[in-house]
Amino acid sequence: MKIEPIAYYHTALKGKFGIPRQSGLVSELRGRVVFEPGYRNADALRGIDGFDYLWLIWGFSLNGKPCGEWSPMVRPPLLGGNEHMGVFATRSPFRPNPLGLSSVKLLGVEDCTGGPVLIVAGADLADGTPIYDIKPYLVYSDSHPDARGGFVDANRWDTLDVVFPANLKHCFSEEDFVVLCRILELDPRPQYHKDPERVYGVSFGSYDVRFKVSCEGVLEVVGIVEL
């Protein structure tokens, strides 16, 4: 089977680092699903505005590995990158077919010159991610609130306290500032990185946001560089 992108996702997060680890974790994070010319047909979206959430089927385009190169065992970041689990028991991007699945909130359909654009929130995708299909989220069949979550239930991410210098806040709109802080408090670092002097950078919009994380769980923004 040969598949091709029907659309591309566009957002302020330009690279892999800093992307929420699952959809829905940063509900304030907005993005646009822009359809390819061959799929810019309003009829294909008829009725979609009656749904609050959508499933996006997309591709791990930033993997850096050829399609089909995979391992039956992976090391989930949630377990510190030190313990192996079966690839099909995880959401690792390194899969036989590098496809992702995300539930996003549909905020609206925007009529643009080139065709309709979906405005969504809560995605865990980088800017430029290819979208292969879109399906409506159905509460009666897709929601299982009492389901077990395997090793995830026993290993929760700890959020960080974010310290953001007041003289740097002006670089972002009020809305973008809230989204950026939500991304940072989720701790973008690999779990096995604990060096309090190491400086990290998240590409957000037109800036690279530099930060450190103390041993006490405080994330301090130490600078912003324009990209």
Protein backbone atom coordinates (compact mmCIF):
# COMPACT_ATOMS: atom_id res chain seq x y z
CA MET A 1 0.00 0.00 0.00
CA LYS A 2 1.29 3.44 -0.91
CA ILE A 3 0.08 6.42 1.08
CA GLU A 4 0.70 10.12 0.61
CA PRO A 5 0.12 13.16 2.82
CA ILE A 6 -3.28 14.77 2.49
CA ALA A 7 -2.20 17.75 4.60
CA TYR A 8 0.59 19.21 6.72
CA TYR A 9 0.42 20.44 10.29
CA HIS A 10 1.75 23.90 11.19
CA THR A 11 2.51 25.17 14.68
CA ALA A 12 5.01 27.18 16.75
CA LEU A 13 7.09 24.12 17.69
CA LYS A 14 9.71 23.74 14.97
CA GLY A 15 11.62 20.64 16.11
CA LYS A 16 11.23 17.41 18.07
CA PHE A 17 12.60 18.77 21.34
CA GLY A 18 9.85 20.27 23.45
CA ILE A 19 6.90 18.60 21.73
CA PRO A 20 4.40 17.33 24.33
CA ARG A 21 4.87 13.61 24.81
CA GLN A 22 1.21 12.90 24.18
CA SER A 23 -1.67 14.78 22.60
CA GLY A 24 -3.90 16.69 24.99
CA LEU A 25 -1.17 17.48 27.53
CA VAL A 26 -0.97 21.11 26.38
CA SER A 27 -4.54 21.88 25.45
CA GLU A 28 -3.67 25.53 24.77
CA LEU A 29 -1.22 24.66 21.97
CA ARG A 30 -2.86 25.55 18.66
CA GLY A 31 -2.03 24.43 15.15
CA ARG A 32 -3.34 24.46 11.59
CA VAL A 33 -3.98 21.49 9.32
CA VAL A 34 -3.39 22.78 5.79
CA PHE A 35 -4.52 20.45 3.02
CA GLU A 36 -2.51 19.64 -0.07
CA PRO A 37 -3.93 21.03 -3.36
CA GLY A 38 -5.49 17.72 -4.38
CA TYR A 39 -7.46 17.53 -1.11
CA ARG A 40 -8.61 21.15 -0.73
CA ASN A 41 -12.22 20.24 -1.23
CA ALA A 42 -14.83 21.65 1.13
CA ASP A 43 -17.10 18.67 0.43
CA ALA A 44 -14.55 16.36 2.10
CA LEU A 45 -15.09 18.27 5.37
CA ARG A 46 -18.87 18.46 5.25
CA GLY A 47 -20.19 17.67 8.73
CA ILE A 48 -16.80 17.83 10.46
CA ASP A 49 -17.78 20.92 12.44
CA GLY A 50 -20.25 18.75 14.36
CA PHE A 51 -17.39 16.96 16.15
CA ASP A 52 -15.39 18.36 19.07
CA TYR A 53 -12.36 16.08 18.61
CA LEU A 54 -10.57 14.45 15.70
CA TRP A 55 -8.04 11.67 15.25
CA LEU A 56 -5.01 12.64 13.18
CA ILE A 57 -3.01 9.86 11.54
CA TRP A 58 0.42 11.25 10.76
CA GLY A 59 4.03 10.38 10.04
CA PHE A 60 7.14 10.56 12.23
CA SER A 61 8.93 12.67 9.64
CA LEU A 62 11.77 13.71 11.98
CA ASN A 63 12.88 10.21 12.94
CA GLY A 64 16.15 10.32 11.02
CA LYS A 65 15.91 6.60 10.25
CA PRO A 66 14.78 4.93 7.01
CA CYS A 67 11.23 3.61 6.91
CA GLY A 68 11.19 -0.06 7.92
CA GLU A 69 14.24 0.18 10.18
CA TRP A 70 12.97 -0.86 13.59
CA SER A 71 13.64 -2.90 16.72
CA PRO A 72 11.20 -5.16 18.60
CA MET A 73 12.38 -3.56 21.86
CA VAL A 74 12.59 0.15 22.70
CA ARG A 75 13.46 2.23 25.77
CA PRO A 76 10.53 4.48 26.73
CA PRO A 77 11.54 7.94 28.02
CA LEU A 78 8.98 7.57 30.81
CA LEU A 79 11.11 4.76 32.26
CA GLY A 80 14.26 6.87 32.16
CA GLY A 81 15.52 5.40 28.91
CA ASN A 82 17.05 2.47 30.81
CA GLU A 83 14.34 -0.20 30.67
CA HIS A 84 13.24 -2.07 27.56
CA MET A 85 9.65 -2.63 26.49
CA GLY A 86 8.12 -4.16 23.38
CA VAL A 87 7.64 -1.58 20.64
CA PHE A 88 3.94 -2.43 20.35
CA ALA A 89 3.51 -1.76 24.09
CA THR A 90 4.78 1.80 23.60
CA ARG A 91 4.22 4.87 21.46
CA SER A 92 7.82 4.99 20.30
CA PRO A 93 8.34 6.75 16.96
CA PHE A 94 10.68 3.97 15.81
CA ARG A 95 8.17 1.48 14.46
CA PRO A 96 7.91 -0.86 11.45
CA ASN A 97 5.67 1.78 9.85
CA PRO A 98 6.42 5.20 11.41
CA LEU A 99 2.81 6.31 11.89
CA GLY A 100 1.45 8.33 14.79
CA LEU A 101 -2.09 8.74 16.11
CA SER A 102 -3.24 11.83 18.01
CA SER A 103 -6.53 13.07 19.38
CA VAL A 104 -6.91 16.84 18.93
CA LYS A 105 -9.65 19.33 19.70
CA LEU A 106 -11.27 20.89 16.65
CA LEU A 107 -11.57 24.63 17.21
CA GLY A 108 -12.99 25.42 13.82
CA VAL A 109 -12.76 25.34 10.04
CA GLU A 110 -11.21 28.44 8.49
CA ASP A 111 -12.10 29.42 4.94
CA CYS A 112 -8.86 30.48 3.26
CA THR A 113 -8.05 31.49 -0.30
CA GLY A 114 -6.43 28.13 -1.00
CA GLY A 115 -9.20 26.10 0.59
CA PRO A 116 -10.46 25.13 4.06
CA VAL A 117 -7.99 24.85 6.96
CA LEU A 118 -8.63 23.02 10.23
CA ILE A 119 -7.74 24.89 13.43
CA VAL A 120 -6.93 22.37 16.16
CA ALA A 121 -5.54 22.35 19.70
CA GLY A 122 -3.62 19.91 21.89
CA ALA A 123 -1.55 18.16 19.22
CA ASP A 124 1.83 16.55 19.90
CA LEU A 125 3.24 17.23 16.42
CA ALA A 126 6.09 19.36 15.11
CA ASP A 127 5.67 22.04 12.48
CA GLY A 128 5.58 20.47 9.00
CA THR A 129 4.37 17.03 10.11
CA PRO A 130 2.61 15.15 7.27
CA ILE A 131 -1.01 14.16 7.93
CA TYR A 132 -2.18 10.96 6.21
CA ASP A 133 -5.78 10.76 7.36
CA ILE A 134 -8.35 12.42 9.61
CA LYS A 135 -11.21 10.69 11.41
CA PRO A 136 -13.80 11.94 13.90
CA TYR A 137 -13.41 11.05 17.58
CA LEU A 138 -16.45 9.14 18.84
CA VAL A 139 -17.10 9.16 22.59
CA TYR A 140 -19.29 6.04 22.63
CA SER A 141 -16.56 3.86 21.14
CA ASP A 142 -13.24 5.69 21.57
CA SER A 143 -13.43 6.61 25.27
CA HIS A 144 -12.45 4.01 27.88
CA PRO A 145 -11.93 5.93 31.16
CA ASP A 146 -11.53 2.77 33.28
CA ALA A 147 -8.91 1.12 31.04
CA ARG A 148 -5.54 0.07 32.51
CA GLY A 149 -2.49 1.96 31.31
CA GLY A 150 0.27 -0.63 31.76
CA PHE A 151 3.62 0.70 32.95
CA VAL A 152 2.41 4.26 32.34
CA ASP A 153 0.04 4.11 35.35
CA ALA A 154 2.95 3.55 37.73
CA ASN A 155 5.29 6.11 36.17
CA ARG A 156 3.96 9.65 35.98
CA TRP A 157 5.86 12.68 34.69
CA ASP A 158 6.65 15.25 37.36
CA THR A 159 5.94 18.82 36.31
CA LEU A 160 8.50 21.57 36.88
CA ASP A 161 8.23 25.05 38.34
CA VAL A 162 9.05 27.52 35.55
CA VAL A 163 10.94 30.73 36.28
CA PHE A 164 10.77 33.13 33.34
CA PRO A 165 12.68 36.44 33.47
CA ALA A 166 10.29 39.38 33.28
CA ASN A 167 12.48 41.20 30.75
CA LEU A 168 12.03 38.38 28.23
CA LYS A 169 8.26 37.96 28.39
CA HIS A 170 7.73 40.73 25.86
CA CYS A 171 9.01 38.42 23.09
CA PHE A 172 5.72 36.50 23.19
CA SER A 173 2.05 37.30 23.07
CA GLU A 174 0.08 36.55 26.22
CA GLU A 175 -1.39 33.43 24.62
CA ASP A 176 1.97 32.15 23.35
CA PHE A 177 3.59 32.80 26.73
CA VAL A 178 1.01 30.60 28.47
CA VAL A 179 1.55 27.81 25.91
CA LEU A 180 5.35 28.03 26.20
CA CYS A 181 5.24 27.79 29.99
CA ARG A 182 2.93 24.76 29.78
CA ILE A 183 5.40 23.08 27.42
CA LEU A 184 8.36 23.83 29.67
CA GLU A 185 6.68 22.67 32.88
CA LEU A 186 6.21 19.21 31.32
CA ASP A 187 10.03 18.87 31.31
CA PRO A 188 11.17 18.39 27.70
CA ARG A 189 14.46 16.77 28.78
CA PRO A 190 15.16 13.04 28.47
CA GLN A 191 14.52 11.46 31.86
CA TYR A 192 18.15 10.41 32.23
CA HIS A 193 19.45 13.99 31.90
CA LYS A 194 19.99 15.39 35.41
CA ASP A 195 22.88 17.83 34.97
CA PRO A 196 21.73 21.15 36.54
CA GLU A 197 24.34 23.11 34.54
CA ARG A 198 23.34 21.80 31.14
CA VAL A 199 21.59 24.32 28.91
CA TYR A 200 18.75 23.14 26.68
CA GLY A 201 16.87 24.91 23.91
CA VAL A 202 13.29 24.69 22.66
CA SER A 203 12.50 26.22 19.26
CA PHE A 204 9.21 28.04 19.69
CA GLY A 205 8.00 30.37 16.96
CA SER A 206 10.90 32.57 15.87
CA TYR A 207 12.93 32.03 19.06
CA ASP A 208 15.16 29.42 20.64
CA VAL A 209 14.30 29.42 24.34
CA ARG A 210 17.31 28.40 26.48
CA PHE A 211 16.85 26.93 29.96
CA LYS A 212 18.39 24.97 32.84
CA VAL A 213 16.73 22.64 35.35
CA SER A 214 17.89 22.53 38.96
CA CYS A 215 18.04 19.39 41.08
CA GLU A 216 15.03 20.75 42.97
CA GLY A 217 12.85 20.66 39.84
CA VAL A 218 12.93 24.35 38.96
CA LEU A 219 13.24 25.21 35.27
CA GLU A 220 14.87 28.59 34.76
CA VAL A 221 14.85 30.31 31.38
CA VAL A 222 18.34 31.75 30.94
CA GLY A 223 18.05 33.37 27.52
CA ILE A 224 16.25 33.68 24.22
CA VAL A 225 17.92 33.65 20.80
CA GLU A 226 16.13 34.78 17.67
CA LEU A 227 16.19 32.11 14.96
